[in-house]
């Protein structure tokens, strides 16, 4: 049976514990890299410059998202799935 122990602090006590744990033959120490939390950007960020293809895709995506939201709120009625699949 394998166990995982995560030490999130690099205090002297934690480092001493790791040093002692390394001496045990049944312990495997693996250091993992910390990941930085991603900064969220707003969808409507207008400060970015898009090329023509990106702008066209952005407009179509925002339109589709608005339509999906309208379907969820009941403002418009969704089409049948069979009709959509037949178009493809």
N, C-alpha and C. Protein backbone atom coordinates (compact mmCIF):
# COMPACT_ATOMS: atom_id res chain seq x y z
N UNK A 1 0.85 -1.16 0.00
CA UNK A 1 0.00 0.00 0.00
C UNK A 1 0.90 1.24 0.00
N UNK A 2 0.59 2.18 -0.85
CA UNK A 2 1.39 3.41 -0.95
C UNK A 2 0.65 4.56 -0.29
N UNK A 3 1.39 5.41 0.35
CA UNK A 3 0.85 6.61 0.98
C UNK A 3 1.56 7.82 0.39
N UNK A 4 0.87 8.93 0.36
CA UNK A 4 1.46 10.17 -0.11
C UNK A 4 1.41 11.18 1.02
N UNK A 5 2.52 11.80 1.30
CA UNK A 5 2.62 12.82 2.33
C UNK A 5 3.08 14.09 1.66
N UNK A 6 2.31 15.16 1.80
CA UNK A 6 2.64 16.42 1.17
C UNK A 6 3.08 17.40 2.24
N UNK A 7 4.27 17.95 2.08
CA UNK A 7 4.78 18.96 3.01
C UNK A 7 4.82 20.27 2.25
N UNK A 8 4.04 21.23 2.69
CA UNK A 8 3.90 22.48 1.95
C UNK A 8 4.73 23.62 2.53
N UNK A 9 5.53 23.34 3.53
CA UNK A 9 6.28 24.38 4.20
C UNK A 9 7.76 24.02 4.16
N UNK A 10 8.61 24.99 3.95
CA UNK A 10 10.04 24.73 3.96
C UNK A 10 10.67 25.26 5.24
N UNK A 11 9.98 25.09 6.34
CA UNK A 11 10.50 25.51 7.64
C UNK A 11 11.64 24.58 8.05
N UNK A 12 12.46 24.97 9.01
CA UNK A 12 13.55 24.10 9.46
C UNK A 12 13.05 22.75 9.97
N UNK A 13 11.88 22.74 10.62
CA UNK A 13 11.34 21.48 11.13
C UNK A 13 10.95 20.56 9.97
N UNK A 14 10.34 21.13 8.94
CA UNK A 14 9.93 20.32 7.79
C UNK A 14 11.14 19.75 7.06
N UNK A 15 12.17 20.58 6.89
CA UNK A 15 13.38 20.11 6.21
C UNK A 15 14.10 19.04 7.04
N UNK A 16 14.08 19.19 8.37
CA UNK A 16 14.69 18.17 9.23
C UNK A 16 13.92 16.86 9.12
N UNK A 17 12.60 16.94 9.05
CA UNK A 17 11.78 15.74 8.90
C UNK A 17 12.10 15.02 7.59
N UNK A 18 12.24 15.79 6.52
CA UNK A 18 12.56 15.21 5.22
C UNK A 18 13.94 14.55 5.25
N UNK A 19 14.88 15.21 5.89
CA UNK A 19 16.24 14.66 5.99
C UNK A 19 16.22 13.32 6.72
N UNK A 20 15.46 13.23 7.80
CA UNK A 20 15.37 11.98 8.55
C UNK A 20 14.60 10.92 7.76
N UNK A 21 13.57 11.34 7.03
CA UNK A 21 12.76 10.38 6.26
C UNK A 21 13.57 9.77 5.13
N UNK A 22 14.53 10.53 4.57
CA UNK A 22 15.37 10.01 3.49
C UNK A 22 16.21 8.83 3.94
N UNK A 23 16.48 8.75 5.23
CA UNK A 23 17.32 7.67 5.75
C UNK A 23 16.60 6.33 5.77
N UNK A 24 15.28 6.34 5.70
CA UNK A 24 14.51 5.11 5.74
C UNK A 24 14.52 4.45 4.37
N UNK A 25 14.71 3.14 4.34
CA UNK A 25 14.82 2.44 3.06
C UNK A 25 13.49 2.28 2.33
N UNK A 26 12.39 2.42 3.01
CA UNK A 26 11.08 2.25 2.38
C UNK A 26 10.42 3.57 1.99
N UNK A 27 11.18 4.67 2.09
CA UNK A 27 10.63 5.99 1.78
C UNK A 27 11.25 6.49 0.48
N UNK A 28 10.40 7.00 -0.39
CA UNK A 28 10.85 7.60 -1.64
C UNK A 28 10.45 9.07 -1.60
N UNK A 29 11.41 9.97 -1.71
CA UNK A 29 11.17 11.41 -1.65
C UNK A 29 11.14 11.94 -3.08
N UNK A 30 10.08 12.65 -3.41
CA UNK A 30 9.95 13.28 -4.72
C UNK A 30 9.60 14.74 -4.50
N UNK A 31 10.43 15.62 -5.03
CA UNK A 31 10.16 17.05 -4.90
C UNK A 31 9.35 17.49 -6.11
N UNK A 32 8.26 18.17 -5.86
CA UNK A 32 7.41 18.63 -6.95
C UNK A 32 7.57 20.13 -7.13
N UNK A 33 7.36 20.55 -8.35
CA UNK A 33 7.47 21.96 -8.67
C UNK A 33 6.14 22.65 -8.34
N UNK A 34 6.23 23.81 -7.71
CA UNK A 34 5.01 24.55 -7.38
C UNK A 34 4.46 25.20 -8.64
N UNK A 35 3.16 25.17 -8.76
CA UNK A 35 2.52 25.84 -9.88
C UNK A 35 1.96 27.16 -9.39
N UNK A 36 2.16 28.18 -10.17
CA UNK A 36 1.63 29.49 -9.81
C UNK A 36 0.17 29.57 -10.25
N UNK A 37 -0.67 30.16 -9.42
CA UNK A 37 -2.07 30.29 -9.83
C UNK A 37 -2.19 31.22 -11.03
N UNK A 38 -3.06 30.83 -11.95
CA UNK A 38 -3.26 31.63 -13.15
C UNK A 38 -4.11 32.84 -12.83
N UNK A 39 -3.78 33.94 -13.46
CA UNK A 39 -4.55 35.16 -13.30
C UNK A 39 -5.69 35.11 -14.31
N UNK A 40 -6.90 35.28 -13.81
CA UNK A 40 -8.06 35.23 -14.70
C UNK A 40 -8.18 36.54 -15.45
N UNK A 41 -8.51 36.43 -16.72
CA UNK A 41 -8.78 37.61 -17.52
C UNK A 41 -10.25 37.63 -17.85
N UNK A 42 -10.77 38.80 -17.96
CA UNK A 42 -12.20 38.90 -18.26
C UNK A 42 -12.43 38.61 -19.74
N UNK A 43 -13.60 38.09 -20.05
CA UNK A 43 -13.93 37.73 -21.43
C UNK A 43 -14.05 38.98 -22.29
N UNK A 44 -14.58 40.03 -21.73
CA UNK A 44 -14.81 41.25 -22.49
C UNK A 44 -13.64 42.20 -22.46
N UNK A 45 -12.42 41.70 -22.36
CA UNK A 45 -11.24 42.55 -22.31
C UNK A 45 -11.03 43.19 -23.68
N UNK A 46 -11.31 44.47 -23.79
CA UNK A 46 -11.25 45.16 -25.07
C UNK A 46 -9.87 45.74 -25.36
N UNK A 47 -8.93 45.64 -24.43
CA UNK A 47 -7.62 46.24 -24.64
C UNK A 47 -6.74 45.40 -25.56
N UNK A 48 -7.12 44.18 -25.82
CA UNK A 48 -6.32 43.30 -26.66
C UNK A 48 -6.58 43.59 -28.14
N UNK A 49 -5.54 43.47 -28.94
CA UNK A 49 -5.66 43.70 -30.38
C UNK A 49 -5.73 42.34 -31.07
N UNK A 50 -6.75 42.15 -31.90
CA UNK A 50 -6.95 40.90 -32.61
C UNK A 50 -6.71 41.12 -34.10
N UNK A 51 -6.22 40.07 -34.78
CA UNK A 51 -6.15 40.17 -36.23
C UNK A 51 -7.54 39.85 -36.78
N UNK A 52 -7.72 39.93 -38.08
CA UNK A 52 -9.04 39.78 -38.68
C UNK A 52 -9.65 38.41 -38.41
N UNK A 53 -8.84 37.36 -38.52
CA UNK A 53 -9.35 36.01 -38.31
C UNK A 53 -9.75 35.80 -36.85
N UNK A 54 -8.94 36.31 -35.93
CA UNK A 54 -9.25 36.19 -34.51
C UNK A 54 -10.51 36.97 -34.16
N UNK A 55 -10.65 38.15 -34.73
CA UNK A 55 -11.83 38.98 -34.44
C UNK A 55 -13.10 38.31 -34.96
N UNK A 56 -13.02 37.70 -36.15
CA UNK A 56 -14.18 37.00 -36.70
C UNK A 56 -14.57 35.83 -35.81
N UNK A 57 -13.57 35.04 -35.38
CA UNK A 57 -13.83 33.91 -34.49
C UNK A 57 -14.39 34.40 -33.16
N UNK A 58 -13.84 35.48 -32.63
CA UNK A 58 -14.30 36.03 -31.35
C UNK A 58 -15.77 36.46 -31.44
N UNK A 59 -16.13 37.14 -32.51
CA UNK A 59 -17.52 37.58 -32.68
C UNK A 59 -18.46 36.38 -32.76
N UNK A 60 -18.07 35.35 -33.55
CA UNK A 60 -18.92 34.16 -33.69
C UNK A 60 -19.05 33.42 -32.36
N UNK A 61 -17.96 33.33 -31.61
CA UNK A 61 -17.99 32.65 -30.32
C UNK A 61 -18.88 33.39 -29.33
N UNK A 62 -18.72 34.71 -29.25
CA UNK A 62 -19.55 35.48 -28.32
C UNK A 62 -21.03 35.40 -28.70
N UNK A 63 -21.32 35.39 -30.01
CA UNK A 63 -22.70 35.26 -30.47
C UNK A 63 -23.26 33.90 -30.07
N UNK A 64 -22.47 32.84 -30.24
CA UNK A 64 -22.92 31.49 -29.88
C UNK A 64 -23.13 31.38 -28.37
N UNK A 65 -22.25 31.99 -27.59
CA UNK A 65 -22.41 31.96 -26.14
C UNK A 65 -23.67 32.70 -25.71
N UNK A 66 -23.96 33.82 -26.37
CA UNK A 66 -25.18 34.57 -26.05
C UNK A 66 -26.41 33.75 -26.41
N UNK A 67 -26.38 33.08 -27.57
CA UNK A 67 -27.50 32.24 -27.96
C UNK A 67 -27.70 31.09 -26.98
N UNK A 68 -26.62 30.48 -26.53
CA UNK A 68 -26.73 29.39 -25.55
C UNK A 68 -27.33 29.90 -24.25
N UNK A 69 -26.93 31.10 -23.84
CA UNK A 69 -27.49 31.69 -22.63
C UNK A 69 -28.97 32.00 -22.82
N UNK A 70 -29.34 32.49 -24.00
CA UNK A 70 -30.76 32.78 -24.28
C UNK A 70 -31.59 31.50 -24.26
N UNK A 71 -31.04 30.40 -24.76
CA UNK A 71 -31.76 29.12 -24.74
C UNK A 71 -31.96 28.67 -23.30
N UNK A 72 -30.92 28.81 -22.49
CA UNK A 72 -31.02 28.39 -21.08
C UNK A 72 -32.06 29.21 -20.32
N UNK A 73 -32.12 30.51 -20.62
CA UNK A 73 -33.08 31.37 -19.90
C UNK A 73 -34.48 31.30 -20.50
N UNK A 74 -34.63 30.66 -21.65
CA UNK A 74 -35.95 30.50 -22.25
C UNK A 74 -36.35 31.62 -23.19
N UNK A 75 -35.44 32.50 -23.54
CA UNK A 75 -35.76 33.61 -24.44
C UNK A 75 -35.98 33.11 -25.87
N UNK A 76 -35.21 32.09 -26.26
CA UNK A 76 -35.40 31.50 -27.58
C UNK A 76 -35.49 29.99 -27.41
N UNK A 77 -36.07 29.33 -28.40
CA UNK A 77 -36.24 27.89 -28.35
C UNK A 77 -35.11 27.23 -29.13
N UNK A 78 -34.55 26.18 -28.57
CA UNK A 78 -33.46 25.46 -29.23
C UNK A 78 -34.01 24.60 -30.35
N UNK A 79 -33.19 24.41 -31.38
CA UNK A 79 -33.57 23.54 -32.48
C UNK A 79 -33.42 22.08 -32.09
N UNK A 80 -33.89 21.21 -32.94
CA UNK A 80 -33.81 19.77 -32.67
C UNK A 80 -32.40 19.27 -32.97
N UNK A 81 -31.95 18.32 -32.18
CA UNK A 81 -30.62 17.75 -32.35
C UNK A 81 -30.52 17.00 -33.68
N UNK A 82 -31.58 16.32 -34.08
CA UNK A 82 -31.56 15.58 -35.35
C UNK A 82 -31.32 16.53 -36.52
N UNK A 83 -31.94 17.71 -36.48
CA UNK A 83 -31.74 18.68 -37.56
C UNK A 83 -30.28 19.13 -37.62
N UNK A 84 -29.70 19.36 -36.46
CA UNK A 84 -28.30 19.78 -36.41
C UNK A 84 -27.39 18.69 -36.96
N UNK A 85 -27.63 17.46 -36.56
CA UNK A 85 -26.79 16.35 -37.02
C UNK A 85 -26.96 16.10 -38.51
N UNK A 86 -28.15 16.32 -39.04
CA UNK A 86 -28.38 16.14 -40.48
C UNK A 86 -27.64 17.20 -41.29
N UNK A 87 -27.45 18.39 -40.72
CA UNK A 87 -26.71 19.44 -41.42
C UNK A 87 -25.25 19.08 -41.58
N UNK A 88 -24.73 18.35 -40.60
CA UNK A 88 -23.31 17.98 -40.65
C UNK A 88 -23.13 16.89 -41.67
